Amino acid sequence: MRQFTTGNLNKQVGDVTDAAAREPVVLTKHRKPRFVLMSYEHYERMRTGGDPRQAHHVSEMSEEHRGLFLVEIDRLARGQGYDDEP
């Protein structure tokens, strides 16, 4: 989860809200987490329990999905990922 300071919110509102549109972001004040900013759609999914995502153990995945998963984990470990996507 990305983090911004409350000062960033004032100075970079576009960057902060763009990040919050993709995933919830933490807003910190005096280096302590104070708020979470997220899209209204994400909030509604949380509020209503309508989030269809589920967590699975890698041992439950098919070979095909396990291979794709491991490639993406490796990509994230190299520092590539969310911020480099359009």
C-alpha atoms as a PDB file:
ATOM      1  CA  MET A   1       0.000   0.000   0.000  1.00  0.00           C
ATOM      2  CA  ARG A   2       1.433   3.363  -0.978  1.00  0.00           C
ATOM      3  CA  GLN A   3       1.909   6.083   1.609  1.00  0.00           C
ATOM      4  CA  PHE A   4       1.724   9.839   1.380  1.00  0.00           C
ATOM      5  CA  THR A   5       2.025  12.496   4.043  1.00  0.00           C
ATOM      6  CA  THR A   6      -0.846  14.845   4.749  1.00  0.00           C
ATOM      7  CA  GLY A   7       1.429  17.543   3.310  1.00  0.00           C
ATOM      8  CA  ASN A   8       1.623  15.551   0.052  1.00  0.00           C
ATOM      9  CA  LEU A   9      -2.164  15.575  -0.058  1.00  0.00           C
ATOM     10  CA  ASN A  10      -2.151  19.368  -0.057  1.00  0.00           C
ATOM     11  CA  LYS A  11       0.662  19.686  -2.606  1.00  0.00           C
ATOM     12  CA  GLN A  12       0.033  16.696  -4.870  1.00  0.00           C
ATOM     13  CA  VAL A  13      -3.686  16.082  -4.722  1.00  0.00           C
ATOM     14  CA  GLY A  14      -3.725  14.716  -8.279  1.00  0.00           C
ATOM     15  CA  ASP A  15      -0.977  12.163  -7.625  1.00  0.00           C
ATOM     16  CA  VAL A  16      -2.540  11.071  -4.339  1.00  0.00           C
ATOM     17  CA  THR A  17      -6.043  10.668  -5.757  1.00  0.00           C
ATOM     18  CA  ASP A  18      -4.702   8.860  -8.842  1.00  0.00           C
ATOM     19  CA  ALA A  19      -2.939   6.360  -6.564  1.00  0.00           C
ATOM     20  CA  ALA A  20      -6.079   5.989  -4.418  1.00  0.00           C
ATOM     21  CA  ALA A  21      -8.101   5.225  -7.538  1.00  0.00           C
ATOM     22  CA  ARG A  22      -5.936   2.115  -8.078  1.00  0.00           C
ATOM     23  CA  GLU A  23      -5.612   0.953  -4.458  1.00  0.00           C
ATOM     24  CA  PRO A  24      -6.107   2.332  -0.943  1.00  0.00           C
ATOM     25  CA  VAL A  25      -3.307   4.653   0.190  1.00  0.00           C
ATOM     26  CA  VAL A  26      -2.189   5.527   3.708  1.00  0.00           C
ATOM     27  CA  LEU A  27      -1.948   9.185   4.689  1.00  0.00           C
ATOM     28  CA  THR A  28       0.585   9.790   7.443  1.00  0.00           C
ATOM     29  CA  LYS A  29       1.046  12.698   9.809  1.00  0.00           C
ATOM     30  CA  HIS A  30       4.237  13.002  11.855  1.00  0.00           C
ATOM     31  CA  ARG A  31       5.303   9.639  10.372  1.00  0.00           C
ATOM     32  CA  LYS A  32       2.275   7.834  11.828  1.00  0.00           C
ATOM     33  CA  PRO A  33      -0.572   6.369   9.768  1.00  0.00           C
ATOM     34  CA  ARG A  34      -3.656   8.543  10.270  1.00  0.00           C
ATOM     35  CA  PHE A  35      -6.044   7.969   7.361  1.00  0.00           C
ATOM     36  CA  VAL A  36      -6.735   5.629   4.458  1.00  0.00           C
ATOM     37  CA  LEU A  37      -7.903   7.118   1.171  1.00  0.00           C
ATOM     38  CA  MET A  38      -9.610   4.826  -1.340  1.00  0.00           C
ATOM     39  CA  SER A  39     -12.003   4.927  -4.253  1.00  0.00           C
ATOM     40  CA  TYR A  40     -15.701   4.952  -3.464  1.00  0.00           C
ATOM     41  CA  GLU A  41     -16.074   1.650  -5.320  1.00  0.00           C
ATOM     42  CA  HIS A  42     -13.469  -0.005  -3.090  1.00  0.00           C
ATOM     43  CA  TYR A  43     -15.163   1.405  -0.008  1.00  0.00           C
ATOM     44  CA  GLU A  44     -18.553   0.052  -1.134  1.00  0.00           C
ATOM     45  CA  ARG A  45     -17.097  -3.406  -1.766  1.00  0.00           C
ATOM     46  CA  MET A  46     -15.641  -3.402   1.739  1.00  0.00           C
ATOM     47  CA  ARG A  47     -18.807  -2.029   3.317  1.00  0.00           C
ATOM     48  CA  THR A  48     -21.161  -4.487   1.659  1.00  0.00           C
ATOM     49  CA  GLY A  49     -18.858  -7.491   1.676  1.00  0.00           C
ATOM     50  CA  GLY A  50     -19.216  -7.608  -2.099  1.00  0.00           C
ATOM     51  CA  ASP A  51     -15.523  -8.146  -2.772  1.00  0.00           C
ATOM     52  CA  PRO A  52     -15.291 -11.390  -4.757  1.00  0.00           C
ATOM     53  CA  ARG A  53     -11.528 -11.738  -4.291  1.00  0.00           C
ATOM     54  CA  GLN A  54     -10.297 -14.716  -2.332  1.00  0.00           C
ATOM     55  CA  ALA A  55      -6.949 -15.823  -0.989  1.00  0.00           C
ATOM     56  CA  HIS A  56      -5.583 -19.228  -1.958  1.00  0.00           C
ATOM     57  CA  HIS A  57      -2.483 -21.133  -0.977  1.00  0.00           C
ATOM     58  CA  VAL A  58      -0.031 -21.640  -3.840  1.00  0.00           C
ATOM     59  CA  SER A  59      -0.350 -25.414  -3.396  1.00  0.00           C
ATOM     60  CA  GLU A  60      -4.024 -25.120  -4.429  1.00  0.00           C
ATOM     61  CA  MET A  61      -3.148 -23.489  -7.765  1.00  0.00           C
ATOM     62  CA  SER A  62      -2.944 -25.242 -11.094  1.00  0.00           C
ATOM     63  CA  GLU A  63       0.542 -25.564 -12.609  1.00  0.00           C
ATOM     64  CA  GLU A  64      -0.335 -22.890 -15.163  1.00  0.00           C
ATOM     65  CA  HIS A  65      -1.471 -20.371 -12.542  1.00  0.00           C
ATOM     66  CA  ARG A  66       1.418 -21.209 -10.222  1.00  0.00           C
ATOM     67  CA  GLY A  67       3.880 -20.441 -13.032  1.00  0.00           C
ATOM     68  CA  LEU A  68       2.206 -17.105 -13.799  1.00  0.00           C
ATOM     69  CA  PHE A  69       2.114 -16.250 -10.089  1.00  0.00           C
ATOM     70  CA  LEU A  70       5.814 -17.009  -9.586  1.00  0.00           C
ATOM     71  CA  VAL A  71       6.772 -14.883 -12.611  1.00  0.00           C
ATOM     72  CA  GLU A  72       4.858 -11.917 -11.142  1.00  0.00           C
ATOM     73  CA  ILE A  73       6.325 -12.415  -7.656  1.00  0.00           C
ATOM     74  CA  ASP A  74       9.791 -12.385  -9.203  1.00  0.00           C
ATOM     75  CA  ARG A  75       8.931  -9.188 -11.101  1.00  0.00           C
ATOM     76  CA  LEU A  76       7.808  -7.481  -7.888  1.00  0.00           C
ATOM     77  CA  ALA A  77      10.930  -8.683  -6.061  1.00  0.00           C
ATOM     78  CA  ARG A  78      13.028  -6.908  -8.731  1.00  0.00           C
ATOM     79  CA  GLY A  79      11.170  -3.655  -8.036  1.00  0.00           C
ATOM     80  CA  GLN A  80       8.881  -3.813 -11.055  1.00  0.00           C
ATOM     81  CA  GLY A  81       5.146  -3.713 -10.671  1.00  0.00           C
ATOM     82  CA  TYR A  82       2.289  -1.373 -10.010  1.00  0.00           C
ATOM     83  CA  ASP A  83       4.145   1.905 -10.465  1.00  0.00           C
ATOM     84  CA  ASP A  84       5.532   0.924 -13.865  1.00  0.00           C
ATOM     85  CA  GLU A  85       2.117   0.103 -15.336  1.00  0.00           C
ATOM     86  CA  PRO A  86       0.205   2.659 -17.412  1.00  0.00           C
END
